[in-house]
Amino acid sequence: MLIFFLAYLGGMLTIFSPCVLPVLPFVFARSEQSFRRTGLPILLGMAATFTVLASFAAVGGAWLIAVNQYGRYAAMGLLLLLGLALIFPALSDRLMRPFVALGGRLQQRADQQASIKGSLLLGVAVGFLWAPCAGPILGLVLAGAALHGANLYSAILLLVFAAGAATSLGLALLAGDRVFSMMKRSLGAEEWVRRGLGIAVVVGVVVIALGWDTKFLAQFSFFNTARTEQKLISQLAKPAAASNKEIGRIAPSLLGATQWLNSPPLAIESLRGKIVLVDFWTYSCINCLRTMPYLKAWNEKYRDQGLVIIGVHAPEFAFEKDQHNVEQA
């Protein structure tokens, strides 16, 4: 039960991580409507989609990578339509046809009927785009899923993590609803608040589509959730039993890599007598990107003295397994 408690706490801490910022505009886009009929279905759709995608990402093949990639494109298109409909609610049919027409109809239906299905669909779209920061707790959960496959235990762990994230986002959504309501009452600027949310949604889609979210957020230090998660694990988890087994001098082979990028394949024999630093990273992981300047500086300074840095790309989510995405990053 302890791992489930840790997973839930880890999910709740995502509200303080920079990775949540790109999806906040999508979640807050309907904050002025009923939480039960709009906000809650969005969060449920997001949590369910993340759980399904993350559960199969560890064992899925090329077909899942393609489904996830095209799903992200469809999600960005749907959310872009929503943002444009928020900005141009009256002119959508006349000026922006056909690009905003669909989004305008969806938005109008949601406004009039507070459609639970429409909000759930938006939650599914957000779930395709949400990639939480990989802290120690999520790392444990994803590592377990990779080792044991897409089984019920792994799926429940991921769902508990997503539920924690949905809880913190739900609390923020309720607080944001009060703030927006107060702004509309005091300033009489309901239409401008609505358009501001639409602009934020469009900007969020563009930022995610161009990959600027990780590059931009990696430059800033917010609340360090990784340290907090590590403290929780240290305090709550049982320490591993000490091993008397001696560590051998033979390094493991480098066989098993699916592709070598930026260098020819290396063999362990060619590295004997050198200092080898193996960096496990993921191109969309903000904490991983923050280490890059240090690794580059060490490489420049110590390369001639025998330092070799090998980066092992260890994808967590299906879209990170696309080699083209890695090469572009």
Protein backbone atom coordinates (compact mmCIF):
# COMPACT_ATOMS: atom_id res chain seq x y z
CA MET A 1 0.00 0.00 0.00
CA LEU A 2 2.94 2.33 0.58
CA ILE A 3 3.77 2.55 -3.12
CA PHE A 4 0.18 3.62 -3.88
CA PHE A 5 0.41 6.36 -1.25
CA LEU A 6 3.71 7.53 -2.72
CA ALA A 7 2.25 7.47 -6.24
CA TYR A 8 -0.69 9.63 -5.15
CA LEU A 9 1.59 12.14 -3.40
CA GLY A 10 3.87 12.22 -6.43
CA GLY A 11 0.89 13.01 -8.63
CA MET A 12 -0.25 15.81 -6.35
CA LEU A 13 3.22 17.36 -6.44
CA THR A 14 3.05 17.75 -10.23
CA ILE A 15 1.09 20.98 -9.75
CA PHE A 16 4.34 22.53 -8.52
CA SER A 17 6.47 21.24 -11.41
CA PRO A 18 7.09 23.21 -14.62
CA CYS A 19 5.80 20.36 -16.78
CA VAL A 20 2.22 21.17 -15.80
CA LEU A 21 2.37 24.73 -17.15
CA PRO A 22 1.74 23.90 -20.85
CA VAL A 23 -1.55 22.10 -20.07
CA LEU A 24 -2.92 24.62 -17.55
CA PRO A 25 -4.57 26.79 -20.25
CA PHE A 26 -6.49 23.74 -21.53
CA VAL A 27 -7.71 22.86 -18.04
CA PHE A 28 -8.69 26.44 -17.17
CA ALA A 29 -10.38 27.10 -20.53
CA ARG A 30 -13.74 26.03 -19.06
CA SER A 31 -13.20 27.20 -15.51
CA GLU A 32 -16.20 29.56 -15.66
CA GLN A 33 -18.59 26.63 -16.06
CA SER A 34 -19.87 24.01 -13.62
CA PHE A 35 -16.98 22.01 -12.17
CA ARG A 36 -19.09 18.86 -11.92
CA ARG A 37 -20.13 18.93 -15.58
CA THR A 38 -16.99 20.38 -17.17
CA GLY A 39 -13.90 20.53 -14.95
CA LEU A 40 -14.33 17.07 -13.42
CA PRO A 41 -14.87 15.27 -16.77
CA ILE A 42 -11.81 17.03 -18.21
CA LEU A 43 -9.66 15.81 -15.32
CA LEU A 44 -11.13 12.29 -15.51
CA GLY A 45 -10.48 12.11 -19.25
CA MET A 46 -6.94 13.37 -18.78
CA ALA A 47 -6.18 10.86 -16.01
CA ALA A 48 -7.70 7.91 -17.88
CA THR A 49 -5.89 8.70 -21.14
CA PHE A 50 -2.55 9.17 -19.40
CA THR A 51 -3.01 5.85 -17.57
CA VAL A 52 -3.78 3.90 -20.75
CA LEU A 53 -0.97 5.45 -22.78
CA ALA A 54 1.64 5.14 -20.04
CA SER A 55 0.61 1.54 -19.25
CA PHE A 56 1.20 0.37 -22.80
CA ALA A 57 4.14 2.65 -23.57
CA ALA A 58 6.57 0.39 -21.71
CA VAL A 59 5.72 -2.65 -23.83
CA GLY A 60 4.09 -1.23 -26.93
CA GLY A 61 5.57 -1.60 -30.38
CA ALA A 62 5.71 0.67 -33.38
CA TRP A 63 1.93 0.64 -33.75
CA LEU A 64 1.47 2.25 -30.32
CA ILE A 65 4.08 4.89 -31.11
CA ALA A 66 2.17 5.77 -34.28
CA VAL A 67 -1.18 5.83 -32.48
CA ASN A 68 0.22 8.07 -29.77
CA GLN A 69 1.88 10.40 -32.27
CA TYR A 70 -1.25 10.82 -34.41
CA GLY A 71 -3.33 11.10 -31.26
CA ARG A 72 -1.17 14.03 -30.16
CA TYR A 73 -1.68 15.71 -33.53
CA ALA A 74 -5.46 15.23 -33.29
CA ALA A 75 -5.46 16.51 -29.71
CA MET A 76 -3.53 19.64 -30.67
CA GLY A 77 -5.95 20.25 -33.54
CA LEU A 78 -8.99 19.89 -31.30
CA LEU A 79 -7.59 22.16 -28.61
CA LEU A 80 -6.54 24.71 -31.22
CA LEU A 81 -10.13 24.80 -32.47
CA LEU A 82 -11.33 25.29 -28.90
CA GLY A 83 -8.94 28.19 -28.37
CA LEU A 84 -9.98 29.88 -31.62
CA ALA A 85 -13.65 29.42 -30.72
CA LEU A 86 -13.03 31.13 -27.37
CA ILE A 87 -11.33 34.05 -29.11
CA PHE A 88 -13.84 34.40 -31.97
CA PRO A 89 -17.20 33.10 -30.63
CA ALA A 90 -19.35 35.42 -32.76
CA LEU A 91 -17.20 35.51 -35.90
CA SER A 92 -16.28 31.82 -36.09
CA ASP A 93 -18.76 30.94 -38.86
CA ARG A 94 -18.29 34.15 -40.84
CA LEU A 95 -14.56 34.89 -40.68
CA MET A 96 -12.80 31.68 -39.71
CA ARG A 97 -14.79 29.05 -41.65
CA PRO A 98 -14.07 26.16 -41.86
CA PHE A 99 -11.22 26.14 -39.33
CA VAL A 100 -13.19 27.45 -36.37
CA ALA A 101 -16.64 26.25 -37.35
CA LEU A 102 -16.22 22.85 -35.68
CA GLY A 103 -14.66 24.37 -32.59
CA GLY A 104 -17.40 26.99 -32.44
CA ARG A 105 -20.13 24.35 -32.53
CA LEU A 106 -18.41 22.32 -29.84
CA GLN A 107 -17.96 25.40 -27.68
CA GLN A 108 -21.57 26.55 -28.21
CA ARG A 109 -22.90 23.14 -27.32
CA ALA A 110 -20.78 23.02 -24.18
CA ASP A 111 -21.85 26.54 -23.20
CA GLN A 112 -25.55 25.81 -23.61
CA GLN A 113 -25.73 22.26 -22.31
CA ALA A 114 -22.54 22.03 -20.23
CA SER A 115 -21.84 18.86 -22.20
CA ILE A 116 -20.13 16.22 -20.08
CA LYS A 117 -19.18 14.27 -23.21
CA GLY A 118 -17.58 17.34 -24.79
CA SER A 119 -15.58 18.05 -21.65
CA LEU A 120 -14.55 14.40 -21.40
CA LEU A 121 -13.33 14.56 -25.00
CA LEU A 122 -11.24 17.62 -24.17
CA GLY A 123 -9.83 15.74 -21.19
CA VAL A 124 -8.77 12.90 -23.48
CA ALA A 125 -7.05 15.46 -25.73
CA VAL A 126 -5.21 16.95 -22.76
CA GLY A 127 -4.18 13.44 -21.69
CA PHE A 128 -2.42 12.93 -25.03
CA LEU A 129 -0.37 16.09 -24.50
CA TRP A 130 0.34 15.86 -20.77
CA ALA A 131 3.80 14.48 -20.02
CA PRO A 132 4.50 15.01 -16.30
CA CYS A 133 8.02 15.67 -15.09
CA ALA A 134 9.81 12.43 -14.38
CA GLY A 135 10.55 12.62 -10.69
CA PRO A 136 11.76 9.71 -8.55
CA ILE A 137 8.22 8.52 -7.76
CA LEU A 138 7.01 8.48 -11.37
CA GLY A 139 10.33 6.87 -12.26
CA LEU A 140 9.60 4.02 -9.85
CA VAL A 141 6.11 3.56 -11.27
CA LEU A 142 7.24 3.59 -14.91
CA ALA A 143 10.20 1.32 -14.17
CA GLY A 144 7.82 -1.18 -12.58
CA ALA A 145 5.57 -1.02 -15.64
CA ALA A 146 8.56 -1.61 -17.92
CA LEU A 147 9.77 -4.60 -15.88
CA HIS A 148 6.42 -6.29 -15.32
CA GLY A 149 4.58 -5.26 -18.47
CA ALA A 150 1.16 -3.71 -18.95
CA ASN A 151 -0.59 -5.55 -16.12
CA LEU A 152 -3.36 -4.51 -13.74
CA TYR A 153 -0.96 -3.60 -10.92
CA SER A 154 1.03 -1.19 -13.10
CA ALA A 155 -2.15 0.34 -14.53
CA ILE A 156 -3.57 0.95 -11.04
CA LEU A 157 -0.31 2.57 -9.92
CA LEU A 158 -0.34 4.90 -12.92
CA LEU A 159 -4.02 5.66 -12.34
CA VAL A 160 -3.30 6.54 -8.70
CA PHE A 161 -0.51 8.87 -9.84
CA ALA A 162 -2.84 10.48 -12.39
CA ALA A 163 -5.55 10.77 -9.72
CA GLY A 164 -3.14 12.68 -7.50
CA ALA A 165 -2.35 15.06 -10.35
CA ALA A 166 -6.06 15.47 -11.11
CA THR A 167 -6.74 16.24 -7.44
CA SER A 168 -4.24 19.08 -7.30
CA LEU A 169 -5.38 20.42 -10.67
CA GLY A 170 -9.00 20.19 -9.53
CA LEU A 171 -8.25 22.27 -6.44
CA ALA A 172 -6.46 24.81 -8.63
CA LEU A 173 -9.42 24.80 -11.02
CA LEU A 174 -11.88 25.50 -8.20
CA ALA A 175 -9.70 28.34 -6.95
CA GLY A 176 -9.32 29.70 -10.48
CA ASP A 177 -13.08 29.65 -10.97
CA ARG A 178 -13.50 31.99 -8.02
CA VAL A 179 -10.77 34.31 -9.29
CA PHE A 180 -12.27 34.50 -12.79
CA SER A 181 -15.76 35.05 -11.39
CA MET A 182 -14.48 37.89 -9.23
CA MET A 183 -12.69 39.45 -12.21
CA LYS A 184 -15.83 39.29 -14.34
CA ARG A 185 -17.98 40.83 -11.60
CA SER A 186 -15.58 43.60 -10.62
CA LEU A 187 -14.23 44.47 -14.07
CA GLY A 188 -17.20 43.54 -16.24
CA ALA A 189 -14.72 41.95 -18.62
CA GLU A 190 -16.24 38.51 -19.16
CA GLU A 191 -15.62 38.57 -22.91
CA TRP A 192 -12.01 39.68 -22.47
CA VAL A 193 -11.37 37.00 -19.84
CA ARG A 194 -12.84 34.44 -22.22
CA ARG A 195 -10.66 35.65 -25.08
CA GLY A 196 -7.62 35.72 -22.82
CA LEU A 197 -8.19 32.06 -22.02
CA GLY A 198 -8.56 31.33 -25.73
CA ILE A 199 -5.26 33.06 -26.49
CA ALA A 200 -3.59 31.06 -23.71
CA VAL A 201 -4.95 27.82 -25.21
CA VAL A 202 -3.70 28.69 -28.71
CA VAL A 203 -0.28 29.70 -27.36
CA GLY A 204 -0.13 26.45 -25.36
CA VAL A 205 -0.83 24.37 -28.47
CA VAL A 206 1.81 26.21 -30.51
CA VAL A 207 4.41 25.89 -27.75
CA ILE A 208 3.84 22.13 -27.39
CA ALA A 209 3.73 21.57 -31.16
CA LEU A 210 7.10 23.29 -31.65
CA GLY A 211 8.69 21.65 -28.62
CA TRP A 212 9.35 24.98 -26.95
CA ASP A 213 7.79 23.93 -23.65
CA THR A 214 10.68 21.74 -22.48
CA LYS A 215 13.39 24.02 -23.92
CA PHE A 216 11.90 27.12 -22.29
CA LEU A 217 10.97 25.62 -18.93
CA ALA A 218 14.36 23.92 -18.56
CA GLN A 219 15.92 27.38 -18.19
CA PHE A 220 13.92 28.17 -15.05
CA SER A 221 14.02 26.62 -11.61
CA PHE A 222 10.65 26.28 -9.95
CA PHE A 223 9.80 24.35 -6.82
CA ASN A 224 12.08 21.31 -6.90
CA THR A 225 9.60 18.44 -6.69
CA ALA A 226 12.34 15.86 -7.35
CA ARG A 227 14.03 16.63 -4.02
CA THR A 228 10.71 16.50 -2.19
CA GLU A 229 9.83 13.17 -3.78
CA GLN A 230 13.25 11.74 -2.92
CA LYS A 231 12.77 12.76 0.72
CA LEU A 232 9.35 11.08 0.77
CA ILE A 233 10.85 7.87 -0.62
CA SER A 234 13.73 7.98 1.86
CA GLN A 235 11.41 8.49 4.83
CA LEU A 236 8.61 6.12 3.88
CA ALA A 237 10.29 3.34 1.93
CA LYS A 238 12.02 0.42 3.59
CA PRO A 239 15.80 0.49 3.08
CA ALA A 240 17.15 -2.23 0.82
CA ALA A 241 19.04 -5.04 2.45
CA ALA A 242 22.81 -4.66 2.30
CA SER A 243 24.60 -6.95 -0.10
CA ASN A 244 27.96 -8.55 0.60
CA LYS A 245 28.48 -9.36 -3.05
CA GLU A 246 31.68 -7.87 -4.37
CA ILE A 247 31.44 -5.63 -7.40
CA GLY A 248 33.41 -7.03 -10.28
CA ARG A 249 35.74 -5.02 -12.49
CA ILE A 250 34.14 -6.16 -15.73
CA ALA A 251 31.87 -3.52 -17.18
CA PRO A 252 28.73 -4.70 -18.97
CA SER A 253 28.67 -4.66 -22.75
CA LEU A 254 27.04 -1.93 -24.79
CA LEU A 255 25.05 -4.38 -26.87
CA GLY A 256 21.32 -3.88 -27.17
CA ALA A 257 21.21 -0.29 -28.36
CA THR A 258 18.69 0.04 -31.17
CA GLN A 259 20.48 2.96 -32.81
CA TRP A 260 23.60 5.07 -32.28
CA LEU A 261 23.24 8.80 -32.92
CA ASN A 262 26.01 11.41 -33.26
CA SER A 263 28.76 8.76 -33.12
CA PRO A 264 29.67 5.36 -34.53
CA PRO A 265 28.82 2.34 -32.34
CA LEU A 266 31.19 1.96 -29.40
CA ALA A 267 32.49 -1.32 -28.01
CA ILE A 268 33.45 -1.85 -24.39
CA GLU A 269 36.93 -2.98 -25.47
CA SER A 270 37.68 0.44 -26.99
CA LEU A 271 36.81 2.17 -23.71
CA ARG A 272 39.17 0.31 -21.39
CA GLY A 273 41.37 2.66 -19.41
CA LYS A 274 39.01 5.59 -19.96
CA ILE A 275 36.53 7.29 -17.65
CA VAL A 276 33.06 6.56 -19.01
CA LEU A 277 30.03 8.53 -17.86
CA VAL A 278 26.71 6.96 -18.87
CA ASP A 279 23.85 9.47 -18.82
CA PHE A 280 20.31 8.10 -18.93
CA TRP A 281 18.02 10.81 -20.22
CA THR A 282 14.89 11.61 -22.23
CA TYR A 283 14.64 14.48 -24.69
CA SER A 284 11.38 15.87 -23.25
CA CYS A 285 12.47 15.54 -19.60
CA ILE A 286 13.09 19.02 -18.18
CA ASN A 287 15.29 17.76 -15.34
CA CYS A 288 17.37 15.84 -17.90
CA LEU A 289 17.79 18.91 -20.10
CA ARG A 290 19.04 20.91 -17.13
CA THR A 291 22.05 18.59 -16.86
CA MET A 292 23.09 19.12 -20.48
CA PRO A 293 25.17 22.31 -19.96
CA TYR A 294 27.23 20.54 -17.27
CA LEU A 295 27.77 17.45 -19.42
CA LYS A 296 28.84 19.57 -22.38
CA ALA A 297 31.24 21.55 -20.19
CA TRP A 298 32.80 18.36 -18.76
CA ASN A 299 33.14 16.94 -22.26
CA GLU A 300 34.96 20.04 -23.51
CA LYS A 301 37.25 20.14 -20.48
CA TYR A 302 38.12 16.48 -19.99
CA ARG A 303 37.61 14.86 -23.39
CA ASP A 304 41.33 14.95 -24.20
CA GLN A 305 42.09 13.38 -20.82
CA GLY A 306 40.05 10.25 -21.48
CA LEU A 307 36.48 11.19 -20.56
CA VAL A 308 33.78 9.58 -22.70
CA ILE A 309 30.13 10.50 -22.19
CA ILE A 310 27.52 8.08 -23.51
CA GLY A 311 23.93 9.26 -23.50
CA VAL A 312 21.34 6.50 -23.29
CA HIS A 313 17.92 7.70 -24.37
CA ALA A 314 15.42 5.98 -22.07
CA PRO A 315 11.91 6.96 -23.23
CA GLU A 316 9.07 7.00 -20.72
CA PHE A 317 6.14 7.79 -22.99
CA ALA A 318 5.26 6.42 -26.42
CA PHE A 319 5.94 9.64 -28.36
CA GLU A 320 9.48 9.68 -26.92
CA LYS A 321 10.20 6.35 -28.64
CA ASP A 322 9.98 7.92 -32.09
CA GLN A 323 13.57 8.11 -33.36
CA HIS A 324 12.75 11.10 -35.56
CA ASN A 325 11.65 13.07 -32.50
CA VAL A 326 14.90 12.19 -30.74
CA GLU A 327 17.00 13.24 -33.73
CA GLN A 328 15.19 16.59 -33.94
CA ALA A 329 15.77 17.22 -30.24
